[in-house]
Amino acid sequence: MPAIGYVTKQPTGGYKGQLKTLSIRADIDLVPNTAKSADSQPDFRVLTQGVEIGAGWVRKGETSGKDYVSLSLAAPEFGPRKLYANLGRAAGQDDENNFAIIWNPAD
């Protein structure tokens, strides 16, 4: 699966990094959703330049049993479809705070 960006976990519990595709390069912040009041609401809000472009949910891996963050992103630059991705261990990284944004094609 191709990485379309990288983020670093912050002391606040959020993540900060960059989303990179062939036509998009944007600084992003995954901000903890402190207003979450139901399980269906996201655990994170995804922002770029103060604009919300998506959300993230903490999920548990079926095989590993470890938590990961599942992202859903939408913006006019992505076209009519949402972009789905997961945060996963960045290849070649020993730092437990560095994560790759791994694209998860819907098709």
PDB file of N, CA and C in Angstrom:
ATOM      1  N   MET A   1       0.839  -1.183   0.000  1.00  0.00           N
ATOM      2  CA  MET A   1       0.000   0.000   0.000  1.00  0.00           C
ATOM      3  C   MET A   1       0.883   1.245   0.000  1.00  0.00           C
ATOM      4  N   PRO A   2       0.561   2.195  -0.844  1.00  0.00           N
ATOM      5  CA  PRO A   2       1.391   3.401  -0.917  1.00  0.00           C
ATOM      6  C   PRO A   2       1.124   4.381   0.233  1.00  0.00           C
ATOM      7  N   ALA A   3       2.199   4.980   0.708  1.00  0.00           N
ATOM      8  CA  ALA A   3       2.095   6.029   1.723  1.00  0.00           C
ATOM      9  C   ALA A   3       1.826   7.350   1.008  1.00  0.00           C
ATOM     10  N   ILE A   4       0.830   8.085   1.470  1.00  0.00           N
ATOM     11  CA  ILE A   4       0.495   9.382   0.865  1.00  0.00           C
ATOM     12  C   ILE A   4       0.778  10.512   1.838  1.00  0.00           C
ATOM     13  N   GLY A   5       1.651  10.252   2.793  1.00  0.00           N
ATOM     14  CA  GLY A   5       2.042  11.280   3.733  1.00  0.00           C
ATOM     15  C   GLY A   5       2.574  10.662   5.004  1.00  0.00           C
ATOM     16  N   TYR A   6       3.014  11.534   5.890  1.00  0.00           N
ATOM     17  CA  TYR A   6       3.580  11.104   7.161  1.00  0.00           C
ATOM     18  C   TYR A   6       3.144  12.061   8.250  1.00  0.00           C
ATOM     19  N   VAL A   7       2.936  11.536   9.453  1.00  0.00           N
ATOM     20  CA  VAL A   7       2.585  12.359  10.604  1.00  0.00           C
ATOM     21  C   VAL A   7       3.399  11.907  11.806  1.00  0.00           C
ATOM     22  N   THR A   8       3.507  12.801  12.774  1.00  0.00           N
ATOM     23  CA  THR A   8       4.190  12.517  14.030  1.00  0.00           C
ATOM     24  C   THR A   8       3.210  12.742  15.168  1.00  0.00           C
ATOM     25  N   LYS A   9       3.166  11.781  16.089  1.00  0.00           N
ATOM     26  CA  LYS A   9       2.281  11.919  17.247  1.00  0.00           C
ATOM     27  C   LYS A   9       2.786  13.046  18.137  1.00  0.00           C
ATOM     28  N   GLN A  10       1.866  13.880  18.605  1.00  0.00           N
ATOM     29  CA  GLN A  10       2.170  15.042  19.427  1.00  0.00           C
ATOM     30  C   GLN A  10       1.875  14.746  20.900  1.00  0.00           C
ATOM     31  N   PRO A  11       2.489  15.483  21.807  1.00  0.00           N
ATOM     32  CA  PRO A  11       2.223  15.289  23.245  1.00  0.00           C
ATOM     33  C   PRO A  11       0.752  15.492  23.611  1.00  0.00           C
ATOM     34  N   THR A  12       0.013  16.228  22.792  1.00  0.00           N
ATOM     35  CA  THR A  12      -1.408  16.491  23.045  1.00  0.00           C
ATOM     36  C   THR A  12      -2.293  15.294  22.712  1.00  0.00           C
ATOM     37  N   GLY A  13      -1.708  14.262  22.063  1.00  0.00           N
ATOM     38  CA  GLY A  13      -2.488  13.103  21.639  1.00  0.00           C
ATOM     39  C   GLY A  13      -2.888  13.173  20.182  1.00  0.00           C
ATOM     40  N   GLY A  14      -2.678  14.311  19.551  1.00  0.00           N
ATOM     41  CA  GLY A  14      -2.977  14.471  18.136  1.00  0.00           C
ATOM     42  C   GLY A  14      -1.767  14.104  17.284  1.00  0.00           C
ATOM     43  N   TYR A  15      -1.865  14.406  15.999  1.00  0.00           N
ATOM     44  CA  TYR A  15      -0.793  14.126  15.046  1.00  0.00           C
ATOM     45  C   TYR A  15      -0.592  15.344  14.157  1.00  0.00           C
ATOM     46  N   LYS A  16       0.629  15.534  13.691  1.00  0.00           N
ATOM     47  CA  LYS A  16       0.951  16.660  12.816  1.00  0.00           C
ATOM     48  C   LYS A  16       1.880  16.139  11.736  1.00  0.00           C
ATOM     49  N   GLY A  17       1.609  16.557  10.476  1.00  0.00           N
ATOM     50  CA  GLY A  17       2.466  16.106   9.388  1.00  0.00           C
ATOM     51  C   GLY A  17       2.039  16.680   8.056  1.00  0.00           C
ATOM     52  N   GLN A  18       2.251  15.876   7.014  1.00  0.00           N
ATOM     53  CA  GLN A  18       1.974  16.356   5.670  1.00  0.00           C
ATOM     54  C   GLN A  18       1.318  15.263   4.840  1.00  0.00           C
ATOM     55  N   LEU A  19       0.291  15.662   4.076  1.00  0.00           N
ATOM     56  CA  LEU A  19      -0.382  14.804   3.112  1.00  0.00           C
ATOM     57  C   LEU A  19       0.236  15.103   1.759  1.00  0.00           C
ATOM     58  N   LYS A  20       0.684  14.065   1.032  1.00  0.00           N
ATOM     59  CA  LYS A  20       1.336  14.265  -0.260  1.00  0.00           C
ATOM     60  C   LYS A  20       0.775  13.288  -1.282  1.00  0.00           C
ATOM     61  N   THR A  21       0.247  13.838  -2.371  1.00  0.00           N
ATOM     62  CA  THR A  21      -0.152  13.031  -3.526  1.00  0.00           C
ATOM     63  C   THR A  21       0.502  13.683  -4.740  1.00  0.00           C
ATOM     64  N   LEU A  22       0.201  13.189  -5.931  1.00  0.00           N
ATOM     65  CA  LEU A  22       0.787  13.783  -7.128  1.00  0.00           C
ATOM     66  C   LEU A  22       0.410  15.249  -7.288  1.00  0.00           C
ATOM     67  N   SER A  23      -0.805  15.611  -6.871  1.00  0.00           N
ATOM     68  CA  SER A  23      -1.256  16.992  -7.085  1.00  0.00           C
ATOM     69  C   SER A  23      -1.478  17.779  -5.799  1.00  0.00           C
ATOM     70  N   ILE A  24      -1.321  17.149  -4.654  1.00  0.00           N
ATOM     71  CA  ILE A  24      -1.611  17.819  -3.380  1.00  0.00           C
ATOM     72  C   ILE A  24      -0.420  17.688  -2.440  1.00  0.00           C
ATOM     73  N   ARG A  25      -0.098  18.769  -1.806  1.00  0.00           N
ATOM     74  CA  ARG A  25       0.898  18.781  -0.729  1.00  0.00           C
ATOM     75  C   ARG A  25       0.361  19.743   0.314  1.00  0.00           C
ATOM     76  N   ALA A  26      -0.071  19.198   1.448  1.00  0.00           N
ATOM     77  CA  ALA A  26      -0.702  20.040   2.463  1.00  0.00           C
ATOM     78  C   ALA A  26      -0.274  19.617   3.854  1.00  0.00           C
ATOM     79  N   ASP A  27       0.022  20.603   4.702  1.00  0.00           N
ATOM     80  CA  ASP A  27       0.269  20.337   6.107  1.00  0.00           C
ATOM     81  C   ASP A  27      -1.060  19.973   6.746  1.00  0.00           C
ATOM     82  N   ILE A  28      -1.081  18.924   7.563  1.00  0.00           N
ATOM     83  CA  ILE A  28      -2.323  18.506   8.207  1.00  0.00           C
ATOM     84  C   ILE A  28      -2.112  18.332   9.702  1.00  0.00           C
ATOM     85  N   ASP A  29      -3.208  18.480  10.422  1.00  0.00           N
ATOM     86  CA  ASP A  29      -3.252  18.248  11.856  1.00  0.00           C
ATOM     87  C   ASP A  29      -4.410  17.311  12.138  1.00  0.00           C
ATOM     88  N   LEU A  30      -4.166  16.256  12.886  1.00  0.00           N
ATOM     89  CA  LEU A  30      -5.221  15.400  13.402  1.00  0.00           C
ATOM     90  C   LEU A  30      -5.402  15.815  14.848  1.00  0.00           C
ATOM     91  N   VAL A  31      -6.513  16.473  15.121  1.00  0.00           N
ATOM     92  CA  VAL A  31      -6.776  17.072  16.419  1.00  0.00           C
ATOM     93  C   VAL A  31      -7.765  16.197  17.178  1.00  0.00           C
ATOM     94  N   PRO A  32      -7.454  15.825  18.429  1.00  0.00           N
ATOM     95  CA  PRO A  32      -8.410  15.034  19.203  1.00  0.00           C
ATOM     96  C   PRO A  32      -9.765  15.740  19.287  1.00  0.00           C
ATOM     97  N   ASN A  33     -10.829  14.969  19.100  1.00  0.00           N
ATOM     98  CA  ASN A  33     -12.185  15.499  19.157  1.00  0.00           C
ATOM     99  C   ASN A  33     -12.638  15.506  20.619  1.00  0.00           C
ATOM    100  N   THR A  34     -12.391  16.602  21.283  1.00  0.00           N
ATOM    101  CA  THR A  34     -12.714  16.708  22.706  1.00  0.00           C
ATOM    102  C   THR A  34     -14.219  16.828  22.942  1.00  0.00           C
ATOM    103  N   ALA A  35     -14.988  17.097  21.886  1.00  0.00           N
ATOM    104  CA  ALA A  35     -16.442  17.227  22.017  1.00  0.00           C
ATOM    105  C   ALA A  35     -17.163  15.910  21.736  1.00  0.00           C
ATOM    106  N   LYS A  36     -16.422  14.821  21.540  1.00  0.00           N
ATOM    107  CA  LYS A  36     -17.030  13.527  21.220  1.00  0.00           C
ATOM    108  C   LYS A  36     -17.961  13.097  22.346  1.00  0.00           C
ATOM    109  N   SER A  37     -19.220  12.780  21.972  1.00  0.00           N
ATOM    110  CA  SER A  37     -20.198  12.374  22.979  1.00  0.00           C
ATOM    111  C   SER A  37     -20.875  11.046  22.627  1.00  0.00           C
ATOM    112  N   ALA A  38     -20.490  10.426  21.482  1.00  0.00           N
ATOM    113  CA  ALA A  38     -21.069   9.144  21.084  1.00  0.00           C
ATOM    114  C   ALA A  38     -20.024   8.352  20.304  1.00  0.00           C
ATOM    115  N   ASP A  39     -20.113   7.028  20.345  1.00  0.00           N
ATOM    116  CA  ASP A  39     -19.142   6.177  19.655  1.00  0.00           C
ATOM    117  C   ASP A  39     -19.097   6.414  18.150  1.00  0.00           C
ATOM    118  N   SER A  40     -20.215   6.852  17.567  1.00  0.00           N
ATOM    119  CA  SER A  40     -20.264   7.081  16.124  1.00  0.00           C
ATOM    120  C   SER A  40     -19.510   8.347  15.697  1.00  0.00           C
ATOM    121  N   GLN A  41     -19.221   9.217  16.639  1.00  0.00           N
ATOM    122  CA  GLN A  41     -18.490  10.437  16.319  1.00  0.00           C
ATOM    123  C   GLN A  41     -16.997  10.141  16.224  1.00  0.00           C
ATOM    124  N   PRO A  42     -16.267  10.893  15.381  1.00  0.00           N
ATOM    125  CA  PRO A  42     -14.839  10.619  15.209  1.00  0.00           C
ATOM    126  C   PRO A  42     -14.008  10.952  16.437  1.00  0.00           C
ATOM    127  N   ASP A  43     -12.884  10.249  16.546  1.00  0.00           N
ATOM    128  CA  ASP A  43     -11.935  10.509  17.628  1.00  0.00           C
ATOM    129  C   ASP A  43     -11.018  11.680  17.293  1.00  0.00           C
ATOM    130  N   PHE A  44     -10.863  11.965  15.982  1.00  0.00           N
ATOM    131  CA  PHE A  44     -10.003  13.057  15.509  1.00  0.00           C
ATOM    132  C   PHE A  44     -10.701  13.843  14.422  1.00  0.00           C
ATOM    133  N   ARG A  45     -10.381  15.122  14.347  1.00  0.00           N
ATOM    134  CA  ARG A  45     -10.757  15.981  13.230  1.00  0.00           C
ATOM    135  C   ARG A  45      -9.485  16.229  12.427  1.00  0.00           C
ATOM    136  N   VAL A  46      -9.571  16.141  11.115  1.00  0.00           N
ATOM    137  CA  VAL A  46      -8.404  16.361  10.259  1.00  0.00           C
ATOM    138  C   VAL A  46      -8.521  17.761   9.668  1.00  0.00           C
ATOM    139  N   LEU A  47      -7.505  18.596   9.934  1.00  0.00           N
ATOM    140  CA  LEU A  47      -7.528  19.990   9.498  1.00  0.00           C
ATOM    141  C   LEU A  47      -6.310  20.307   8.643  1.00  0.00           C
ATOM    142  N   THR A  48      -6.514  21.194   7.670  1.00  0.00           N
ATOM    143  CA  THR A  48      -5.417  21.788   6.930  1.00  0.00           C
ATOM    144  C   THR A  48      -5.731  23.266   6.769  1.00  0.00           C
ATOM    145  N   GLN A  49      -4.811  24.094   7.137  1.00  0.00           N
ATOM    146  CA  GLN A  49      -4.972  25.547   7.072  1.00  0.00           C
ATOM    147  C   GLN A  49      -6.268  25.999   7.738  1.00  0.00           C
ATOM    148  N   GLY A  50      -6.636  25.345   8.837  1.00  0.00           N
ATOM    149  CA  GLY A  50      -7.839  25.700   9.580  1.00  0.00           C
ATOM    150  C   GLY A  50      -9.133  25.177   8.991  1.00  0.00           C
ATOM    151  N   VAL A  51      -9.054  24.429   7.888  1.00  0.00           N
ATOM    152  CA  VAL A  51     -10.242  23.886   7.234  1.00  0.00           C
ATOM    153  C   VAL A  51     -10.331  22.396   7.536  1.00  0.00           C
ATOM    154  N   GLU A  52     -11.504  21.942   7.965  1.00  0.00           N
ATOM    155  CA  GLU A  52     -11.689  20.524   8.254  1.00  0.00           C
ATOM    156  C   GLU A  52     -11.885  19.756   6.951  1.00  0.00           C
ATOM    157  N   ILE A  53     -11.025  18.755   6.724  1.00  0.00           N
ATOM    158  CA  ILE A  53     -11.114  17.960   5.492  1.00  0.00           C
ATOM    159  C   ILE A  53     -11.409  16.491   5.772  1.00  0.00           C
ATOM    160  N   GLY A  54     -11.594  16.141   7.026  1.00  0.00           N
ATOM    161  CA  GLY A  54     -11.879  14.745   7.306  1.00  0.00           C
ATOM    162  C   GLY A  54     -11.938  14.445   8.783  1.00  0.00           C
ATOM    163  N   ALA A  55     -11.948  13.127   9.043  1.00  0.00           N
ATOM    164  CA  ALA A  55     -12.079  12.651  10.412  1.00  0.00           C
ATOM    165  C   ALA A  55     -11.305  11.351  10.568  1.00  0.00           C
ATOM    166  N   GLY A  56     -11.023  11.008  11.827  1.00  0.00           N
ATOM    167  CA  GLY A  56     -10.305   9.776  12.124  1.00  0.00           C
ATOM    168  C   GLY A  56     -10.938   9.040  13.292  1.00  0.00           C
ATOM    169  N   TRP A  57     -10.964   7.720  13.199  1.00  0.00           N
ATOM    170  CA  TRP A  57     -11.525   6.871  14.242  1.00  0.00           C
ATOM    171  C   TRP A  57     -10.470   5.891  14.711  1.00  0.00           C
ATOM    172  N   VAL A  58     -10.377   5.678  16.006  1.00  0.00           N
ATOM    173  CA  VAL A  58      -9.477   4.668  16.549  1.00  0.00           C
ATOM    174  C   VAL A  58     -10.163   3.315  16.390  1.00  0.00           C
ATOM    175  N   ARG A  59      -9.477   2.389  15.731  1.00  0.00           N
ATOM    176  CA  ARG A  59      -9.984   1.038  15.489  1.00  0.00           C
ATOM    177  C   ARG A  59      -9.002   0.033  16.085  1.00  0.00           C
ATOM    178  N   LYS A  60      -9.436  -1.196  16.226  1.00  0.00           N
ATOM    179  CA  LYS A  60      -8.577  -2.260  16.733  1.00  0.00           C
ATOM    180  C   LYS A  60      -8.335  -3.256  15.600  1.00  0.00           C
ATOM    181  N   GLY A  61      -7.055  -3.557  15.333  1.00  0.00           N
ATOM    182  CA  GLY A  61      -6.695  -4.499  14.287  1.00  0.00           C
ATOM    183  C   GLY A  61      -7.210  -5.894  14.598  1.00  0.00           C
ATOM    184  N   GLU A  62      -7.805  -6.546  13.593  1.00  0.00           N
ATOM    185  CA  GLU A  62      -8.363  -7.882  13.793  1.00  0.00           C
ATOM    186  C   GLU A  62      -7.284  -8.909  14.125  1.00  0.00           C
ATOM    187  N   THR A  63      -6.161  -8.835  13.444  1.00  0.00           N
ATOM    188  CA  THR A  63      -5.093  -9.808  13.649  1.00  0.00           C
ATOM    189  C   THR A  63      -4.191  -9.435  14.811  1.00  0.00           C
ATOM    190  N   SER A  64      -3.740  -8.183  14.818  1.00  0.00           N
ATOM    191  CA  SER A  64      -2.765  -7.760  15.833  1.00  0.00           C
ATOM    192  C   SER A  64      -3.408  -7.412  17.168  1.00  0.00           C
ATOM    193  N   GLY A  65      -4.665  -6.974  17.127  1.00  0.00           N
ATOM    194  CA  GLY A  65      -5.321  -6.516  18.346  1.00  0.00           C
ATOM    195  C   GLY A  65      -4.862  -5.144  18.785  1.00  0.00           C
ATOM    196  N   LYS A  66      -4.000  -4.502  17.978  1.00  0.00           N
ATOM    197  CA  LYS A  66      -3.476  -3.174  18.315  1.00  0.00           C
ATOM    198  C   LYS A  66      -4.377  -2.086  17.752  1.00  0.00           C
ATOM    199  N   ASP A  67      -4.402  -0.952  18.454  1.00  0.00           N
ATOM    200  CA  ASP A  67      -5.167   0.203  17.986  1.00  0.00           C
ATOM    201  C   ASP A  67      -4.459   0.872  16.811  1.00  0.00           C
ATOM    202  N   TYR A  68      -5.250   1.399  15.883  1.00  0.00           N
ATOM    203  CA  TYR A  68      -4.743   2.211  14.780  1.00  0.00           C
ATOM    204  C   TYR A  68      -5.787   3.276  14.479  1.00  0.00           C
ATOM    205  N   VAL A  69      -5.436   4.261  13.651  1.00  0.00           N
ATOM    206  CA  VAL A  69      -6.366   5.328  13.296  1.00  0.00           C
ATOM    207  C   VAL A  69      -6.775   5.154  11.835  1.00  0.00           C
ATOM    208  N   SER A  70      -8.077   5.092  11.607  1.00  0.00           N
ATOM    209  CA  SER A  70      -8.658   4.999  10.272  1.00  0.00           C
ATOM    210  C   SER A  70      -9.153   6.390   9.871  1.00  0.00           C
ATOM    211  N   LEU A  71      -8.744   6.854   8.685  1.00  0.00           N
ATOM    212  CA  LEU A  71      -9.072   8.210   8.237  1.00  0.00           C
ATOM    213  C   LEU A  71     -10.039   8.201   7.066  1.00  0.00           C
ATOM    214  N   SER A  72     -10.893   9.196   7.030  1.00  0.00           N
ATOM    215  CA  SER A  72     -11.769   9.475   5.896  1.00  0.00           C
ATOM    216  C   SER A  72     -11.566  10.954   5.563  1.00  0.00           C
ATOM    217  N   LEU A  73     -11.119  11.231   4.326  1.00  0.00           N
ATOM    218  CA  LEU A  73     -10.810  12.595   3.912  1.00  0.00           C
ATOM    219  C   LEU A  73     -11.651  12.979   2.710  1.00  0.00           C
ATOM    220  N   ALA A  74     -12.088  14.228   2.656  1.00  0.00           N
ATOM    221  CA  ALA A  74     -12.870  14.726   1.525  1.00  0.00           C
ATOM    222  C   ALA A  74     -12.545  16.196   1.307  1.00  0.00           C
ATOM    223  N   ALA A  75     -12.277  16.539   0.056  1.00  0.00           N
ATOM    224  CA  ALA A  75     -12.020  17.929  -0.329  1.00  0.00           C
ATOM    225  C   ALA A  75     -12.218  18.019  -1.839  1.00  0.00           C
ATOM    226  N   PRO A  76     -12.534  19.195  -2.358  1.00  0.00           N
ATOM    227  CA  PRO A  76     -12.731  19.334  -3.800  1.00  0.00           C
ATOM    228  C   PRO A  76     -11.533  18.839  -4.616  1.00  0.00           C
ATOM    229  N   GLU A  77     -10.329  18.981  -4.075  1.00  0.00           N
ATOM    230  CA  GLU A  77      -9.128  18.544  -4.790  1.00  0.00           C
ATOM    231  C   GLU A  77      -9.082  17.031  -4.975  1.00  0.00           C
ATOM    232  N   PHE A  78      -9.816  16.279  -4.156  1.00  0.00           N
ATOM    233  CA  PHE A  78      -9.850  14.822  -4.265  1.00  0.00           C
ATOM    234  C   PHE A  78     -10.881  14.344  -5.281  1.00  0.00           C
ATOM    235  N   GLY A  79     -11.705  15.253  -5.796  1.00  0.00           N
ATOM    236  CA  GLY A  79     -12.777  14.860  -6.694  1.00  0.00           C
ATOM    237  C   GLY A  79     -14.009  14.447  -5.898  1.00  0.00           C
ATOM    238  N   PRO A  80     -14.947  13.750  -6.557  1.00  0.00           N
ATOM    239  CA  PRO A  80     -16.227  13.442  -5.912  1.00  0.00           C
ATOM    240  C   PRO A  80     -16.164  12.342  -4.853  1.00  0.00           C
ATOM    241  N   ARG A  81     -15.071  11.614  -4.779  1.00  0.00           N
ATOM    242  CA  ARG A  81     -14.972  10.501  -3.828  1.00  0.00           C
ATOM    243  C   ARG A  81     -14.200  10.893  -2.575  1.00  0.00           C
ATOM    244  N   LYS A  82     -14.469  10.139  -1.515  1.00  0.00           N
ATOM    245  CA  LYS A  82     -13.674  10.306  -0.297  1.00  0.00           C
ATOM    246  C   LYS A  82     -12.380   9.515  -0.456  1.00  0.00           C
ATOM    247  N   LEU A  83     -11.385   9.942   0.261  1.00  0.00           N
ATOM    248  CA  LEU A  83     -10.097   9.265   0.301  1.00  0.00           C
ATOM    249  C   LEU A  83     -10.009   8.562   1.652  1.00  0.00           C
ATOM    250  N   TYR A  84      -9.736   7.262   1.622  1.00  0.00           N
ATOM    251  CA  TYR A  84      -9.635   6.482   2.857  1.00  0.00           C
ATOM    252  C   TYR A  84      -8.187   6.085   3.087  1.00  0.00           C
ATOM    253  N   ALA A  85      -7.766   6.143   4.349  1.00  0.00           N
ATOM    254  CA  ALA A  85      -6.383   5.800   4.696  1.00  0.00           C
ATOM    255  C   ALA A  85      -6.325   5.349   6.151  1.00  0.00           C
ATOM    256  N   ASN A  86      -5.212   4.722   6.499  1.00  0.00           N
ATOM    257  CA  ASN A  86      -4.945   4.315   7.881  1.00  0.00           C
ATOM    258  C   ASN A  86      -3.585   4.843   8.292  1.00  0.00           C
ATOM    259  N   LEU A  87      -3.411   5.104   9.573  1.00  0.00           N
ATOM    260  CA  LEU A  87      -2.082   5.427  10.077  1.00  0.00           C
ATOM    261  C   LEU A  87      -1.404   4.106  10.424  1.00  0.00           C
ATOM    262  N   GLY A  88      -0.224   3.903   9.862  1.00  0.00           N
ATOM    263  CA  GLY A  88       0.529   2.687  10.126  1.00  0.00           C
ATOM    264  C   GLY A  88       1.982   3.023  10.386  1.00  0.00           C
ATOM    265  N   ARG A  89       2.702   2.060  10.870  1.00  0.00           N
ATOM    266  CA  ARG A  89       4.125   2.265  11.157  1.00  0.00           C
ATOM    267  C   ARG A  89       4.842   2.674   9.879  1.00  0.00           C
ATOM    268  N   ALA A  90       5.590   3.742   9.928  1.00  0.00           N
ATOM    269  CA  ALA A  90       6.348   4.224   8.776  1.00  0.00           C
ATOM    270  C   ALA A  90       7.510   3.271   8.510  1.00  0.00           C
ATOM    271  N   ALA A  91       7.672   2.863   7.263  1.00  0.00           N
ATOM    272  CA  ALA A  91       8.733   1.918   6.898  1.00  0.00           C
ATOM    273  C   ALA A  91      10.100   2.471   7.258  1.00  0.00           C
ATOM    274  N   GLY A  92      10.929   1.628   7.853  1.00  0.00           N
ATOM    275  CA  GLY A  92      12.281   2.018   8.200  1.00  0.00           C
ATOM    276  C   GLY A  92      12.383   2.946   9.394  1.00  0.00           C
ATOM    277  N   GLN A  93      11.290   3.150  10.101  1.00  0.00           N
ATOM    278  CA  GLN A  93      11.286   4.058  11.252  1.00  0.00           C
ATOM    279  C   GLN A  93      11.314   3.267  12.552  1.00  0.00           C
ATOM    280  N   ASP A  94      12.211   3.639  13.443  1.00  0.00           N
ATOM    281  CA  ASP A  94      12.256   3.038  14.765  1.00  0.00           C
ATOM    282  C   ASP A  94      11.506   3.885  15.790  1.00  0.00           C
ATOM    283  N   ASP A  95      11.248   5.146  15.427  1.00  0.00           N
ATOM    284  CA  ASP A  95      10.560   6.067  16.328  1.00  0.00           C
ATOM    285  C   ASP A  95       9.078   5.694  16.382  1.00  0.00           C
ATOM    286  N   GLU A  96       8.584   5.349  17.552  1.00  0.00           N
ATOM    287  CA  GLU A  96       7.199   4.919  17.710  1.00  0.00           C
ATOM    288  C   GLU A  96       6.187   6.048  17.526  1.00  0.00           C
ATOM    289  N   ASN A  97       6.658   7.284  17.367  1.00  0.00           N
ATOM    290  CA  ASN A  97       5.760   8.424  17.172  1.00  0.00           C
ATOM    291  C   ASN A  97       5.597   8.805  15.711  1.00  0.00           C
ATOM    292  N   ASN A  98       6.299   8.146  14.794  1.00  0.00           N
ATOM    293  CA  ASN A  98       6.201   8.454  13.362  1.00  0.00           C
ATOM    294  C   ASN A  98       5.302   7.443  12.666  1.00  0.00           C
ATOM    295  N   PHE A  99       4.353   7.966  11.886  1.00  0.00           N
ATOM    296  CA  PHE A  99       3.392   7.118  11.201  1.00  0.00           C
ATOM    297  C   PHE A  99       3.266   7.517   9.737  1.00  0.00           C
ATOM    298  N   ALA A 100       3.024   6.526   8.888  1.00  0.00           N
ATOM    299  CA  ALA A 100       2.725   6.775   7.480  1.00  0.00           C
ATOM    300  C   ALA A 100       1.198   6.845   7.331  1.00  0.00           C
ATOM    301  N   ILE A 101       0.757   7.686   6.401  1.00  0.00           N
ATOM    302  CA  ILE A 101      -0.651   7.718   6.019  1.00  0.00           C
ATOM    303  C   ILE A 101      -0.755   6.764   4.837  1.00  0.00           C
ATOM    304  N   ILE A 102      -1.340   5.600   5.068  1.00  0.00           N
ATOM    305  CA  ILE A 102      -1.378   4.540   4.064  1.00  0.00           C
ATOM    306  C   ILE A 102      -2.715   4.563   3.351  1.00  0.00           C
ATOM    307  N   TRP A 103      -2.654   4.859   2.076  1.00  0.00           N
ATOM    308  CA  TRP A 103      -3.859   4.967   1.245  1.00  0.00           C
ATOM    309  C   TRP A 103      -4.559   3.620   1.190  1.00  0.00           C
ATOM    310  N   ASN A 104      -5.879   3.645   1.320  1.00  0.00           N
ATOM    311  CA  ASN A 104      -6.694   2.441   1.295  1.00  0.00           C
ATOM    312  C   ASN A 104      -7.740   2.629   0.194  1.00  0.00           C
ATOM    313  N   PRO A 105      -7.403   2.279  -1.082  1.00  0.00           N
ATOM    314  CA  PRO A 105      -8.337   2.514  -2.176  1.00  0.00           C
ATOM    315  C   PRO A 105      -9.659   1.808  -1.948  1.00  0.00           C
ATOM    316  N   ALA A 106     -10.742   2.519  -2.234  1.00  0.00           N
ATOM    317  CA  ALA A 106     -12.077   1.952  -2.059  1.00  0.00           C
ATOM    318  C   ALA A 106     -12.417   0.979  -3.172  1.00  0.00           C
ATOM    319  N   ASP A 107     -11.791   1.111  -4.322  1.00  0.00           N
ATOM    320  CA  ASP A 107     -12.119   0.243  -5.480  1.00  0.00           C
ATOM    321  C   ASP A 107     -11.264  -0.992  -5.503  1.00  0.00           C
TER     322      ASP A 107
END
